[in-house]
Protein backbone atom coordinates (compact mmCIF):
# COMPACT_ATOMS: atom_id res chain seq x y z
CA UNK A 1 50.88 -22.02 -41.95
CA UNK A 2 48.22 -19.50 -41.01
CA UNK A 3 45.59 -22.11 -41.68
CA UNK A 4 47.31 -24.53 -39.32
CA UNK A 5 47.44 -21.89 -36.60
CA UNK A 6 43.76 -21.12 -37.04
CA UNK A 7 42.90 -24.80 -36.96
CA UNK A 8 44.94 -25.16 -33.79
CA UNK A 9 43.44 -22.26 -31.87
CA UNK A 10 39.88 -22.37 -33.21
CA UNK A 11 38.80 -25.30 -30.99
CA UNK A 12 40.32 -23.59 -27.98
CA UNK A 13 38.51 -20.34 -28.78
CA UNK A 14 35.24 -22.15 -29.33
CA UNK A 15 35.68 -24.07 -26.07
CA UNK A 16 36.44 -20.88 -24.18
CA UNK A 17 33.46 -19.13 -25.75
CA UNK A 18 31.17 -22.03 -24.90
CA UNK A 19 32.47 -22.20 -21.35
CA UNK A 20 31.91 -18.47 -20.92
CA UNK A 21 28.40 -18.72 -22.36
CA UNK A 22 27.58 -21.42 -19.86
CA UNK A 23 28.73 -19.29 -16.96
CA UNK A 24 26.23 -18.13 -14.40
CA UNK A 25 26.69 -14.88 -12.48
CA UNK A 26 25.75 -14.33 -8.87
CA UNK A 27 25.22 -10.86 -7.48
CA UNK A 28 23.38 -9.01 -4.70
CA UNK A 29 20.75 -6.33 -5.36
CA UNK A 30 19.82 -3.18 -3.43
CA UNK A 31 17.59 -5.18 -1.09
CA UNK A 32 20.45 -7.50 -0.17
CA UNK A 33 18.89 -10.41 -2.09
CA UNK A 34 21.09 -12.78 -4.08
CA UNK A 35 20.35 -13.27 -7.79
CA UNK A 36 21.65 -15.54 -10.53
CA UNK A 37 21.68 -14.84 -14.25
CA UNK A 38 23.57 -14.86 -17.53
CA UNK A 39 24.89 -11.35 -16.86
CA UNK A 40 25.13 -8.84 -14.03
CA UNK A 41 22.93 -5.73 -14.41
CA UNK A 42 25.18 -2.68 -14.83
CA UNK A 43 23.82 -0.97 -11.73
CA UNK A 44 25.00 -3.84 -9.52
CA UNK A 45 28.47 -4.48 -10.96
CA UNK A 46 30.11 -2.07 -8.50
CA UNK A 47 28.83 -4.26 -5.65
CA UNK A 48 31.02 -7.13 -6.77
CA UNK A 49 29.90 -10.45 -8.22
CA UNK A 50 30.91 -14.06 -8.82
CA UNK A 51 31.03 -16.02 -12.09
CA UNK A 52 30.14 -19.66 -11.61
CA UNK A 53 30.82 -22.71 -13.74
CA UNK A 54 27.97 -25.05 -14.67
CA UNK A 55 28.95 -27.29 -11.77
CA UNK A 56 28.70 -24.39 -9.32
CA UNK A 57 32.40 -23.82 -8.81
CA UNK A 58 33.71 -20.26 -8.78
CA UNK A 59 35.46 -19.29 -11.99
CA UNK A 60 35.90 -15.62 -11.26
CA UNK A 61 35.32 -13.38 -8.27
CA UNK A 62 35.09 -9.65 -8.85
CA UNK A 63 35.54 -7.63 -5.68
CA UNK A 64 33.32 -4.59 -5.01
CA UNK A 65 34.51 -1.33 -6.50
CA UNK A 66 32.88 0.52 -3.59
CA UNK A 67 33.35 0.39 0.15
CA UNK A 68 30.59 -1.15 2.30
CA UNK A 69 29.60 2.38 3.36
CA UNK A 70 29.42 3.55 -0.26
CA UNK A 71 27.34 0.53 -1.23
CA UNK A 72 24.96 1.16 1.67
CA UNK A 73 24.62 4.83 0.67
CA UNK A 74 24.02 3.92 -2.98
CA UNK A 75 21.33 1.44 -1.95
CA UNK A 76 19.70 4.08 0.23
CA UNK A 77 19.73 6.61 -2.61
CA UNK A 78 18.25 4.11 -5.08
CA UNK A 79 15.57 3.09 -2.59
CA UNK A 80 14.68 6.74 -2.02
CA UNK A 81 14.61 7.37 -5.76
CA UNK A 82 12.35 4.35 -6.26
CA UNK A 83 9.98 5.63 -3.57
CA UNK A 84 9.88 9.08 -5.14
CA UNK A 85 9.22 7.66 -8.61
CA UNK A 86 6.46 5.42 -7.24
CA UNK A 87 4.90 8.40 -5.45
CA UNK A 88 5.06 10.48 -8.65
CA UNK A 89 3.44 7.70 -10.69
CA UNK A 90 0.73 7.33 -8.07
CA UNK A 91 0.08 11.09 -8.06
CA UNK A 92 -0.06 11.17 -11.85
CA UNK A 93 -2.61 8.36 -11.83
CA UNK A 94 -4.72 10.17 -9.22
CA UNK A 95 -4.51 13.38 -11.24
CA UNK A 96 -5.70 11.63 -14.39
CA UNK A 97 -8.57 10.07 -12.49
CA UNK A 98 -9.49 13.41 -10.93
CA UNK A 99 -9.62 15.18 -14.28
CA UNK A 100 -11.48 12.29 -15.93
CA UNK A 101 -14.09 12.14 -13.16
CA UNK A 102 -14.85 15.83 -12.65
CA UNK A 103 -15.24 18.45 -15.33
CA UNK A 104 -15.68 21.39 -12.96
CA UNK A 105 -15.44 22.44 -9.32
CA UNK A 106 -19.22 22.21 -9.17
CA UNK A 107 -18.97 18.50 -9.99
CA UNK A 108 -16.68 18.08 -7.01
CA UNK A 109 -19.13 19.83 -4.71
CA UNK A 110 -22.05 17.79 -6.02
CA UNK A 111 -20.10 14.60 -5.38
CA UNK A 112 -19.43 15.73 -1.81
CA UNK A 113 -23.09 16.58 -1.28
CA UNK A 114 -24.10 13.10 -2.47
CA UNK A 115 -21.63 11.47 -0.08
CA UNK A 116 -22.82 13.60 2.83
CA UNK A 117 -26.45 12.85 2.01
CA UNK A 118 -25.73 9.14 2.06
CA UNK A 119 -23.92 9.42 5.37
CA UNK A 120 -26.75 11.48 6.87
CA UNK A 121 -29.30 8.88 5.74
CA UNK A 122 -27.30 6.15 7.47
CA UNK A 123 -26.93 8.34 10.54
CA UNK A 124 -30.69 8.90 10.76
CA UNK A 125 -31.38 5.17 10.46
CA UNK A 126 -28.76 4.39 13.09
CA UNK A 127 -30.14 6.96 15.50
CA UNK A 128 -33.65 5.57 15.05
CA UNK A 129 -32.39 2.06 15.78
CA UNK A 130 -30.45 3.39 18.76
CA UNK A 131 -33.56 4.99 20.24
CA UNK A 132 -35.46 1.72 19.96
CA UNK A 133 -32.65 -0.28 21.54
CA UNK A 134 -32.22 2.26 24.35
CA UNK A 135 -35.94 2.01 25.15
CA UNK A 136 -35.71 -1.78 25.15
CA UNK A 137 -32.65 -1.66 27.37
CA UNK A 138 -34.34 0.65 29.86
CA UNK A 139 -37.33 -1.69 29.95
CA UNK A 140 -35.18 -4.75 30.56
CA UNK A 141 -33.15 -3.03 33.26
CA UNK A 142 -36.37 -1.81 34.86
CA UNK A 143 -37.74 -5.35 35.02
CA UNK A 144 -34.49 -6.57 36.59
CA UNK A 145 -34.57 -3.76 39.15
CA UNK A 146 -38.19 -4.57 40.05
CA UNK A 147 -37.29 -8.21 40.66
CA UNK A 148 -34.43 -7.12 42.90
CA UNK A 149 -36.76 -4.92 44.92
CA UNK A 150 -39.04 -7.92 45.37
CA UNK A 151 -36.11 -9.96 46.61
CA UNK A 152 -36.26 -12.25 43.61
CA UNK A 153 -33.38 -13.38 41.43
CA UNK A 154 -33.04 -12.05 37.92
CA UNK A 155 -33.64 -14.99 35.53
CA UNK A 156 -30.72 -16.00 33.35
CA UNK A 157 -32.74 -15.34 30.24
CA UNK A 158 -33.45 -11.75 31.31
CA UNK A 159 -29.82 -11.16 32.23
CA UNK A 160 -28.77 -12.50 28.84
CA UNK A 161 -31.18 -10.11 27.12
CA UNK A 162 -29.75 -7.21 29.12
CA UNK A 163 -26.18 -8.16 28.20
CA UNK A 164 -27.03 -8.62 24.53
CA UNK A 165 -28.90 -5.33 24.40
CA UNK A 166 -26.02 -3.52 26.08
CA UNK A 167 -23.66 -4.94 23.44
CA UNK A 168 -26.07 -3.81 20.71
CA UNK A 169 -26.05 -0.30 22.16
CA UNK A 170 -22.25 -0.22 22.08
CA UNK A 171 -22.29 -1.40 18.47
CA UNK A 172 -24.79 1.25 17.35
CA UNK A 173 -22.92 4.02 19.14
CA UNK A 174 -19.74 2.81 17.46
CA UNK A 175 -21.54 2.99 14.11
CA UNK A 176 -22.42 6.62 14.79
CA UNK A 177 -18.82 7.43 15.63
CA UNK A 178 -17.62 5.79 12.42
CA UNK A 179 -20.16 7.77 10.42
CA UNK A 180 -18.78 10.95 11.96
CA UNK A 181 -15.30 9.85 10.92
CA UNK A 182 -16.49 9.07 7.40
CA UNK A 183 -18.05 12.51 7.11
CA UNK A 184 -14.83 14.20 8.20
CA UNK A 185 -12.82 12.06 5.79
CA UNK A 186 -15.17 12.99 2.95
CA UNK A 187 -14.80 16.70 3.74
CA UNK A 188 -11.02 16.42 4.00
CA UNK A 189 -10.82 14.47 0.74
CA UNK A 190 -13.01 17.08 -0.97
CA UNK A 191 -10.79 19.91 0.24
CA UNK A 192 -7.66 18.12 -0.99
CA UNK A 193 -9.24 17.23 -4.34
CA UNK A 194 -10.52 20.75 -4.84
CA UNK A 195 -7.09 22.24 -4.17
CA UNK A 196 -5.42 19.75 -6.52
CA UNK A 197 -8.09 20.27 -9.19
CA UNK A 198 -7.48 24.01 -9.10
CA UNK A 199 -3.73 23.44 -9.45
CA UNK A 200 -4.24 21.17 -12.44
CA UNK A 201 -6.73 23.42 -14.23
CA UNK A 202 -5.14 26.78 -13.44
CA UNK A 203 -4.02 28.74 -16.53
CA UNK A 204 -0.30 28.28 -17.17
CA UNK A 205 1.66 31.51 -17.60
CA UNK A 206 4.20 31.60 -20.41
CA UNK A 207 7.79 31.70 -19.25
CA UNK A 208 9.39 35.07 -19.64
């Protein structure tokens, strides 16, 4: 008798198991994006989900266990936690790089000096080029002014040279400003790295 019962219900159980295995779940993540998979991640089950048959029809619909406000707050908390964890991982990576690159505070200062020396070299070259271009510009403008005094038109070629030289002056002056910014950034980065290096290498006091 028991064998007959088992033989009767076994196909039904196998069919139900197969049908369940073929189910596809649809749920929404913290970013509001819809996903499909063989199971719903535990952290998203409280948002509600749908179990679909292979043909796409809905077999089961599980309503959210949380209110829309609670879901929104949970998403905000998880997003904030993810940002904090990403920031911590990024800081840990920077710390490892800092300690691997510099073995002492003197190394940090030497690195800064090398950066500043490179910037100063570029600044000197830029200033030299600027002086030459300024002299050329003054010469071109002087020639144009002399033609005007003589009542003659300034040739298109000369006017083009003046315009091009003026643009070159603006570019070189912009280069000098960017070099100033780079120097300040290098000094600020050094100060931040030095402070962090001291924190990382400071002797740790025993608790208690």
